């Protein structure tokens, strides 16, 4: 008989939670009938963080995907009027991607959908548990050691 593997169990729980989060977010996106996939949603959110329209290669780097994947996402978003390709003013051979008014409106709806999905996912937790989860997630995201329970980092 082998001993239980707590790290293996945690890894499985994290994977199951990730799948659940994706399912719930997808459902909330579909309810809003935006015609945007989760991957396109991620591209729109990323695009919104740029001060000026980025190049496709900039988006691919930020999203950590191959440029061809960004091309496919932009094609779909452009067909739906959410983004447009514009020539770079300094080098007309370079194409940049910018949000349209429809894209900005979709982003607002996406934020509402994500917030609704988060509320659904976090519903079983009380305020204290949510704070603890937030600290633990920050620790995992940052890769730093968590402060002991009950302490806050400054």
N, C-alpha and C. Protein backbone atom coordinates (compact mmCIF):
# COMPACT_ATOMS: atom_id res chain seq x y z
N UNK A 1 0.85 -1.18 0.00
CA UNK A 1 0.00 0.00 0.00
C UNK A 1 0.89 1.24 0.00
N UNK A 2 0.55 2.23 -0.80
CA UNK A 2 1.36 3.44 -0.87
C UNK A 2 0.73 4.53 -0.01
N UNK A 3 1.60 5.42 0.44
CA UNK A 3 1.14 6.55 1.27
C UNK A 3 0.44 7.57 0.37
N UNK A 4 -0.54 8.29 0.91
CA UNK A 4 -1.22 9.32 0.11
C UNK A 4 -0.22 10.39 -0.32
N UNK A 5 -0.46 10.96 -1.48
CA UNK A 5 0.41 12.00 -2.04
C UNK A 5 -0.33 13.34 -1.93
N UNK A 6 -0.07 14.12 -0.84
CA UNK A 6 -0.82 15.37 -0.67
C UNK A 6 -0.57 16.38 -1.79
N UNK A 7 0.66 16.42 -2.32
CA UNK A 7 0.92 17.35 -3.43
C UNK A 7 0.20 16.93 -4.69
N UNK A 8 0.11 15.62 -4.91
CA UNK A 8 -0.64 15.12 -6.06
C UNK A 8 -2.11 15.45 -5.94
N UNK A 9 -2.65 15.33 -4.73
CA UNK A 9 -4.05 15.68 -4.49
C UNK A 9 -4.27 17.18 -4.73
N UNK A 10 -3.36 18.01 -4.23
CA UNK A 10 -3.48 19.46 -4.45
C UNK A 10 -3.42 19.80 -5.93
N UNK A 11 -2.51 19.15 -6.64
CA UNK A 11 -2.39 19.40 -8.08
C UNK A 11 -3.70 19.05 -8.79
N UNK A 12 -4.28 17.92 -8.43
CA UNK A 12 -5.55 17.51 -9.03
C UNK A 12 -6.66 18.50 -8.67
N UNK A 13 -6.70 18.96 -7.43
CA UNK A 13 -7.72 19.94 -7.02
C UNK A 13 -7.56 21.24 -7.81
N UNK A 14 -6.33 21.68 -7.98
CA UNK A 14 -6.09 22.92 -8.75
C UNK A 14 -6.55 22.76 -10.19
N UNK A 15 -6.25 21.63 -10.80
CA UNK A 15 -6.68 21.38 -12.18
C UNK A 15 -8.20 21.34 -12.29
N UNK A 16 -8.84 20.67 -11.32
CA UNK A 16 -10.31 20.61 -11.34
C UNK A 16 -10.91 21.99 -11.14
N UNK A 17 -10.34 22.79 -10.25
CA UNK A 17 -10.83 24.16 -10.03
C UNK A 17 -10.64 25.00 -11.30
N UNK A 18 -9.50 24.86 -11.94
CA UNK A 18 -9.24 25.61 -13.17
C UNK A 18 -10.27 25.27 -14.24
N UNK A 19 -10.55 23.99 -14.40
CA UNK A 19 -11.57 23.58 -15.38
C UNK A 19 -12.93 24.14 -15.01
N UNK A 20 -13.26 24.13 -13.72
CA UNK A 20 -14.55 24.67 -13.27
C UNK A 20 -14.64 26.16 -13.54
N UNK A 21 -13.57 26.88 -13.24
CA UNK A 21 -13.54 28.33 -13.50
C UNK A 21 -13.77 28.59 -14.98
N UNK A 22 -13.08 27.85 -15.85
CA UNK A 22 -13.24 28.05 -17.30
C UNK A 22 -14.67 27.75 -17.74
N UNK A 23 -15.25 26.67 -17.23
CA UNK A 23 -16.64 26.33 -17.60
C UNK A 23 -17.60 27.43 -17.18
N UNK A 24 -17.45 27.90 -15.95
CA UNK A 24 -18.37 28.92 -15.44
C UNK A 24 -18.18 30.23 -16.19
N UNK A 25 -16.94 30.63 -16.43
CA UNK A 25 -16.71 31.86 -17.18
C UNK A 25 -17.28 31.75 -18.59
N UNK A 26 -17.08 30.61 -19.21
CA UNK A 26 -17.61 30.41 -20.57
C UNK A 26 -19.13 30.53 -20.58
N UNK A 27 -19.78 29.94 -19.57
CA UNK A 27 -21.24 30.02 -19.48
C UNK A 27 -21.70 31.47 -19.32
N UNK A 28 -20.99 32.22 -18.47
CA UNK A 28 -21.37 33.62 -18.27
C UNK A 28 -21.13 34.45 -19.54
N UNK A 29 -20.07 34.13 -20.27
CA UNK A 29 -19.82 34.82 -21.55
C UNK A 29 -20.95 34.51 -22.54
N UNK A 30 -21.33 33.24 -22.62
CA UNK A 30 -22.38 32.85 -23.56
C UNK A 30 -23.71 33.50 -23.22
N UNK A 31 -24.00 33.66 -21.93
CA UNK A 31 -25.26 34.32 -21.52
C UNK A 31 -25.33 35.76 -22.03
N UNK A 32 -24.21 36.41 -22.10
CA UNK A 32 -24.18 37.81 -22.54
C UNK A 32 -24.22 37.93 -24.06
N UNK A 33 -24.11 36.80 -24.74
CA UNK A 33 -24.21 36.76 -26.21
C UNK A 33 -23.31 37.77 -26.89
N UNK A 34 -22.05 37.82 -26.46
CA UNK A 34 -21.08 38.75 -27.04
C UNK A 34 -20.42 38.19 -28.30
N UNK A 35 -20.56 36.89 -28.52
CA UNK A 35 -19.90 36.28 -29.67
C UNK A 35 -18.39 36.28 -29.52
N UNK A 36 -17.92 36.20 -28.27
CA UNK A 36 -16.49 36.23 -27.97
C UNK A 36 -16.13 34.95 -27.22
N UNK A 37 -15.10 34.29 -27.70
CA UNK A 37 -14.62 33.08 -27.02
C UNK A 37 -13.77 33.48 -25.81
N UNK A 38 -13.52 32.54 -24.89
CA UNK A 38 -12.63 32.87 -23.77
C UNK A 38 -11.24 33.33 -24.23
N UNK A 39 -10.71 32.72 -25.28
CA UNK A 39 -9.39 33.14 -25.79
C UNK A 39 -9.46 34.55 -26.37
N UNK A 40 -10.52 34.86 -27.09
CA UNK A 40 -10.69 36.22 -27.62
C UNK A 40 -10.87 37.21 -26.49
N UNK A 41 -11.58 36.80 -25.45
CA UNK A 41 -11.77 37.65 -24.27
C UNK A 41 -10.41 38.01 -23.67
N UNK A 42 -9.55 37.02 -23.55
CA UNK A 42 -8.21 37.26 -22.99
C UNK A 42 -7.43 38.23 -23.87
N UNK A 43 -7.55 38.10 -25.19
CA UNK A 43 -6.85 39.02 -26.09
C UNK A 43 -7.39 40.44 -25.92
N UNK A 44 -8.70 40.59 -25.82
CA UNK A 44 -9.28 41.92 -25.63
C UNK A 44 -8.79 42.55 -24.33
N UNK A 45 -8.77 41.77 -23.25
CA UNK A 45 -8.29 42.29 -21.96
C UNK A 45 -6.82 42.70 -22.06
N UNK A 46 -6.04 41.90 -22.75
CA UNK A 46 -4.62 42.22 -22.92
C UNK A 46 -4.46 43.48 -23.76
N UNK A 47 -5.20 43.58 -24.81
CA UNK A 47 -5.14 44.74 -25.70
C UNK A 47 -5.47 46.03 -24.95
N UNK A 48 -6.40 45.95 -24.02
CA UNK A 48 -6.82 47.13 -23.25
C UNK A 48 -5.71 47.67 -22.36
N UNK A 49 -4.70 46.86 -22.05
CA UNK A 49 -3.61 47.30 -21.16
C UNK A 49 -2.53 48.11 -21.88
N UNK A 50 -2.59 48.16 -23.18
CA UNK A 50 -1.59 48.93 -23.94
C UNK A 50 -2.03 50.38 -24.05
N UNK A 51 -1.06 51.29 -23.95
CA UNK A 51 -1.34 52.71 -24.11
C UNK A 51 -1.58 53.09 -25.56
N UNK A 52 -0.95 52.38 -26.47
CA UNK A 52 -1.15 52.59 -27.90
C UNK A 52 -1.26 51.22 -28.56
N UNK A 53 -1.86 51.16 -29.74
CA UNK A 53 -2.09 49.86 -30.37
C UNK A 53 -0.79 49.06 -30.54
N UNK A 54 -0.77 47.81 -30.04
CA UNK A 54 0.42 46.97 -30.16
C UNK A 54 0.49 46.24 -31.50
N UNK A 55 1.66 45.70 -31.78
CA UNK A 55 1.84 44.83 -32.94
C UNK A 55 1.35 43.43 -32.55
N UNK A 56 1.12 42.61 -33.54
CA UNK A 56 0.70 41.23 -33.28
C UNK A 56 1.78 40.50 -32.47
N UNK A 57 3.04 40.76 -32.78
CA UNK A 57 4.11 40.07 -32.05
C UNK A 57 4.13 40.48 -30.59
N UNK A 58 3.79 41.74 -30.31
CA UNK A 58 3.70 42.20 -28.91
C UNK A 58 2.62 41.42 -28.17
N UNK A 59 1.48 41.25 -28.83
CA UNK A 59 0.37 40.51 -28.22
C UNK A 59 0.75 39.04 -28.00
N UNK A 60 1.42 38.45 -28.99
CA UNK A 60 1.83 37.05 -28.87
C UNK A 60 2.77 36.87 -27.68
N UNK A 61 3.70 37.79 -27.52
CA UNK A 61 4.64 37.71 -26.39
C UNK A 61 3.90 37.84 -25.07
N UNK A 62 3.03 38.84 -24.96
CA UNK A 62 2.30 39.07 -23.72
C UNK A 62 1.40 37.89 -23.37
N UNK A 63 0.77 37.31 -24.38
CA UNK A 63 -0.14 36.18 -24.17
C UNK A 63 0.61 34.85 -24.07
N UNK A 64 1.89 34.88 -24.38
CA UNK A 64 2.72 33.67 -24.37
C UNK A 64 2.17 32.59 -25.30
N UNK A 65 1.86 33.01 -26.53
CA UNK A 65 1.41 32.10 -27.57
C UNK A 65 2.20 32.40 -28.84
N UNK A 66 2.05 31.52 -29.82
CA UNK A 66 2.73 31.74 -31.10
C UNK A 66 1.97 32.82 -31.87
N UNK A 67 2.67 33.60 -32.69
CA UNK A 67 2.00 34.68 -33.45
C UNK A 67 0.81 34.20 -34.27
N UNK A 68 0.87 33.00 -34.83
CA UNK A 68 -0.24 32.48 -35.63
C UNK A 68 -1.52 32.40 -34.80
N UNK A 69 -1.41 32.07 -33.52
CA UNK A 69 -2.59 31.99 -32.66
C UNK A 69 -3.23 33.37 -32.51
N UNK A 70 -2.39 34.40 -32.40
CA UNK A 70 -2.91 35.76 -32.28
C UNK A 70 -3.60 36.17 -33.58
N UNK A 71 -3.02 35.80 -34.71
CA UNK A 71 -3.62 36.12 -36.00
C UNK A 71 -5.04 35.55 -36.09
N UNK A 72 -5.20 34.31 -35.67
CA UNK A 72 -6.53 33.69 -35.72
C UNK A 72 -7.51 34.41 -34.79
N UNK A 73 -7.06 34.78 -33.60
CA UNK A 73 -7.93 35.49 -32.66
C UNK A 73 -8.31 36.87 -33.20
N UNK A 74 -7.33 37.57 -33.74
CA UNK A 74 -7.60 38.91 -34.29
C UNK A 74 -8.54 38.80 -35.48
N UNK A 75 -8.34 37.79 -36.34
CA UNK A 75 -9.25 37.60 -37.47
C UNK A 75 -10.70 37.51 -37.01
N UNK A 76 -10.94 36.69 -35.99
CA UNK A 76 -12.30 36.53 -35.47
C UNK A 76 -12.85 37.80 -34.86
N UNK A 77 -12.01 38.48 -34.07
CA UNK A 77 -12.45 39.73 -33.43
C UNK A 77 -12.68 40.84 -34.46
N UNK A 78 -11.86 40.85 -35.48
CA UNK A 78 -12.02 41.87 -36.53
C UNK A 78 -13.31 41.61 -37.31
N UNK A 79 -13.60 40.34 -37.59
CA UNK A 79 -14.84 39.99 -38.31
C UNK A 79 -16.07 40.41 -37.51
N UNK A 80 -15.96 40.40 -36.17
CA UNK A 80 -17.08 40.80 -35.30
C UNK A 80 -17.06 42.29 -34.96
N UNK A 81 -16.09 43.03 -35.51
CA UNK A 81 -16.04 44.47 -35.30
C UNK A 81 -15.48 44.90 -33.95
N UNK A 82 -14.79 43.99 -33.25
CA UNK A 82 -14.26 44.33 -31.92
C UNK A 82 -12.87 44.96 -31.98
N UNK A 83 -12.11 44.64 -33.01
CA UNK A 83 -10.77 45.22 -33.20
C UNK A 83 -10.61 45.58 -34.68
N UNK A 84 -9.58 46.36 -34.96
CA UNK A 84 -9.23 46.63 -36.36
C UNK A 84 -7.72 46.68 -36.48
N UNK A 85 -7.27 46.32 -37.66
CA UNK A 85 -5.85 46.41 -37.98
C UNK A 85 -5.60 47.81 -38.53
N UNK A 86 -4.55 48.46 -38.04
CA UNK A 86 -4.20 49.80 -38.52
C UNK A 86 -2.71 49.83 -38.83
N UNK A 87 -2.32 50.57 -39.88
CA UNK A 87 -0.89 50.67 -40.18
C UNK A 87 -0.16 51.50 -39.13
N UNK A 88 1.06 51.13 -38.85
CA UNK A 88 1.91 51.87 -37.93
C UNK A 88 2.27 53.19 -38.61
N UNK A 89 2.10 54.33 -37.92
CA UNK A 89 2.40 55.62 -38.56
C UNK A 89 3.89 55.78 -38.91
N UNK A 90 4.75 55.10 -38.18
CA UNK A 90 6.19 55.24 -38.42
C UNK A 90 6.70 54.25 -39.47
N UNK A 91 5.99 53.14 -39.65
CA UNK A 91 6.43 52.11 -40.59
C UNK A 91 5.19 51.42 -41.13
N UNK A 92 4.77 51.80 -42.29
CA UNK A 92 3.50 51.31 -42.85
C UNK A 92 3.50 49.81 -43.13
N UNK A 93 4.67 49.16 -43.08
CA UNK A 93 4.71 47.71 -43.25
C UNK A 93 4.27 47.00 -41.98
N UNK A 94 4.30 47.72 -40.87
CA UNK A 94 3.91 47.15 -39.57
C UNK A 94 2.43 47.40 -39.34
N UNK A 95 1.74 46.34 -38.91
CA UNK A 95 0.30 46.45 -38.60
C UNK A 95 0.12 46.41 -37.10
N UNK A 96 -0.71 47.30 -36.61
CA UNK A 96 -1.03 47.34 -35.18
C UNK A 96 -2.51 47.00 -35.00
N UNK A 97 -2.85 46.58 -33.80
CA UNK A 97 -4.23 46.16 -33.50
C UNK A 97 -4.82 47.12 -32.48
N UNK A 98 -5.98 47.68 -32.81
CA UNK A 98 -6.63 48.57 -31.86
C UNK A 98 -8.07 48.16 -31.61
N UNK A 99 -8.54 48.48 -30.41
CA UNK A 99 -9.92 48.23 -30.04
C UNK A 99 -10.84 49.19 -30.78
N UNK A 100 -11.99 48.71 -31.16
CA UNK A 100 -13.03 49.58 -31.71
C UNK A 100 -13.97 49.96 -30.56
N UNK A 101 -14.93 50.82 -30.85
CA UNK A 101 -15.94 51.16 -29.84
C UNK A 101 -16.70 49.90 -29.41
N UNK A 102 -17.02 49.03 -30.37
CA UNK A 102 -17.68 47.76 -30.03
C UNK A 102 -16.79 46.90 -29.14
N UNK A 103 -15.49 46.93 -29.40
CA UNK A 103 -14.55 46.18 -28.58
C UNK A 103 -14.51 46.69 -27.15
N UNK A 104 -14.54 48.02 -26.99
CA UNK A 104 -14.55 48.59 -25.64
C UNK A 104 -15.85 48.26 -24.91
N UNK A 105 -16.96 48.28 -25.64
CA UNK A 105 -18.25 47.90 -25.04
C UNK A 105 -18.23 46.42 -24.64
N UNK A 106 -17.65 45.59 -25.48
CA UNK A 106 -17.54 44.16 -25.15
C UNK A 106 -16.68 43.96 -23.91
N UNK A 107 -15.62 44.73 -23.79
CA UNK A 107 -14.76 44.63 -22.59
C UNK A 107 -15.54 44.94 -21.32
N UNK A 108 -16.40 45.96 -21.38
CA UNK A 108 -17.21 46.28 -20.21
C UNK A 108 -18.13 45.11 -19.85
N UNK A 109 -18.73 44.51 -20.86
CA UNK A 109 -19.60 43.35 -20.63
C UNK A 109 -18.80 42.15 -20.13
N UNK A 110 -17.60 42.00 -20.64
CA UNK A 110 -16.73 40.90 -20.20
C UNK A 110 -16.39 41.04 -18.73
N UNK A 111 -16.13 42.26 -18.30
CA UNK A 111 -15.81 42.49 -16.88
C UNK A 111 -16.99 42.08 -16.00
N UNK A 112 -18.19 42.43 -16.44
CA UNK A 112 -19.39 42.06 -15.68
C UNK A 112 -19.53 40.54 -15.65
N UNK A 113 -19.30 39.89 -16.78
CA UNK A 113 -19.41 38.43 -16.85
C UNK A 113 -18.38 37.77 -15.95
N UNK A 114 -17.15 38.28 -15.94
CA UNK A 114 -16.10 37.71 -15.10
C UNK A 114 -16.43 37.91 -13.62
N UNK A 115 -16.95 39.08 -13.28
CA UNK A 115 -17.33 39.34 -11.89
C UNK A 115 -18.46 38.40 -11.46
N UNK A 116 -19.44 38.20 -12.32
CA UNK A 116 -20.55 37.27 -12.01
C UNK A 116 -20.03 35.85 -11.84
N UNK A 117 -19.10 35.44 -12.70
CA UNK A 117 -18.53 34.10 -12.59
C UNK A 117 -17.76 33.97 -11.28
N UNK A 118 -16.99 34.99 -10.92
CA UNK A 118 -16.23 34.95 -9.67
C UNK A 118 -17.17 34.86 -8.47
N UNK A 119 -18.26 35.62 -8.51
CA UNK A 119 -19.23 35.55 -7.41
C UNK A 119 -19.81 34.15 -7.27
N UNK A 120 -20.09 33.52 -8.40
CA UNK A 120 -20.63 32.16 -8.36
C UNK A 120 -19.61 31.18 -7.78
N UNK A 121 -18.38 31.30 -8.22
CA UNK A 121 -17.33 30.39 -7.77
C UNK A 121 -17.04 30.58 -6.27
N UNK A 122 -17.03 31.83 -5.81
CA UNK A 122 -16.66 32.13 -4.44
C UNK A 122 -17.85 32.09 -3.46
N UNK A 123 -19.04 31.85 -3.96
CA UNK A 123 -20.25 31.88 -3.12
C UNK A 123 -20.15 31.02 -1.86
N UNK A 124 -19.53 29.84 -1.90
CA UNK A 124 -19.47 29.02 -0.67
C UNK A 124 -18.56 29.58 0.42
N UNK A 125 -17.73 30.58 0.10
CA UNK A 125 -16.76 31.09 1.06
C UNK A 125 -17.27 32.36 1.74
N UNK A 126 -17.00 32.49 3.05
CA UNK A 126 -17.33 33.73 3.74
C UNK A 126 -16.18 34.73 3.52
N UNK A 127 -16.33 35.93 4.03
CA UNK A 127 -15.35 36.99 3.82
C UNK A 127 -13.95 36.63 4.29
N UNK A 128 -13.87 36.02 5.46
CA UNK A 128 -12.57 35.65 6.01
C UNK A 128 -11.89 34.58 5.14
N UNK A 129 -12.67 33.63 4.68
CA UNK A 129 -12.13 32.58 3.82
C UNK A 129 -11.67 33.16 2.48
N UNK A 130 -12.41 34.13 1.96
CA UNK A 130 -12.02 34.77 0.70
C UNK A 130 -10.70 35.51 0.86
N UNK A 131 -10.55 36.21 1.99
CA UNK A 131 -9.28 36.91 2.24
C UNK A 131 -8.12 35.93 2.33
N UNK A 132 -8.34 34.82 3.03
CA UNK A 132 -7.29 33.80 3.16
C UNK A 132 -6.96 33.22 1.78
N UNK A 133 -7.99 32.92 1.00
CA UNK A 133 -7.76 32.40 -0.35
C UNK A 133 -6.98 33.41 -1.19
N UNK A 134 -7.35 34.67 -1.09
CA UNK A 134 -6.64 35.72 -1.84
C UNK A 134 -5.16 35.77 -1.49
N UNK A 135 -4.86 35.67 -0.19
CA UNK A 135 -3.45 35.67 0.24
C UNK A 135 -2.71 34.45 -0.30
N UNK A 136 -3.36 33.31 -0.22
CA UNK A 136 -2.74 32.08 -0.71
C UNK A 136 -2.52 32.14 -2.22
N UNK A 137 -3.49 32.64 -2.95
CA UNK A 137 -3.33 32.76 -4.40
C UNK A 137 -2.22 33.75 -4.76
N UNK A 138 -2.16 34.87 -4.04
CA UNK A 138 -1.05 35.82 -4.26
C UNK A 138 0.29 35.14 -4.05
N UNK A 139 0.37 34.32 -3.03
CA UNK A 139 1.61 33.59 -2.74
C UNK A 139 1.97 32.66 -3.89
N UNK A 140 0.99 31.94 -4.39
CA UNK A 140 1.25 31.02 -5.50
C UNK A 140 1.61 31.77 -6.78
N UNK A 141 0.95 32.89 -7.01
CA UNK A 141 1.22 33.69 -8.21
C UNK A 141 2.60 34.30 -8.14
N UNK A 142 2.95 34.86 -6.97
CA UNK A 142 4.25 35.52 -6.80
C UNK A 142 5.39 34.55 -6.58
N UNK A 143 5.07 33.34 -6.12
CA UNK A 143 6.10 32.36 -5.85
C UNK A 143 6.89 32.64 -4.58
N UNK A 144 6.29 33.41 -3.66
CA UNK A 144 6.94 33.75 -2.40
C UNK A 144 6.27 33.01 -1.26
N UNK A 145 6.93 32.94 -0.15
CA UNK A 145 6.39 32.27 1.03
C UNK A 145 5.27 33.11 1.63
N UNK A 146 4.18 32.45 1.99
CA UNK A 146 3.03 33.14 2.58
C UNK A 146 3.30 33.50 4.03
N UNK A 147 2.76 34.64 4.49
CA UNK A 147 2.86 34.95 5.91
C UNK A 147 1.98 33.97 6.68
N UNK A 148 2.29 33.72 7.94
CA UNK A 148 1.44 32.81 8.74
C UNK A 148 0.01 33.33 8.79
N UNK A 149 -0.94 32.42 8.94
CA UNK A 149 -2.36 32.82 9.02
C UNK A 149 -2.55 33.83 10.14
N UNK A 150 -3.37 34.81 9.86
CA UNK A 150 -3.63 35.85 10.87
C UNK A 150 -2.70 37.05 10.73
N UNK A 151 -1.59 36.88 10.03
CA UNK A 151 -0.67 38.00 9.81
C UNK A 151 -0.89 38.53 8.40
N UNK A 152 -0.64 39.81 8.24
CA UNK A 152 -0.71 40.39 6.91
C UNK A 152 0.66 40.91 6.55
N UNK A 153 0.95 40.88 5.27
CA UNK A 153 2.23 41.42 4.82
C UNK A 153 2.08 42.91 4.58
N UNK A 154 3.12 43.65 4.83
CA UNK A 154 3.07 45.10 4.66
C UNK A 154 3.53 45.51 3.31
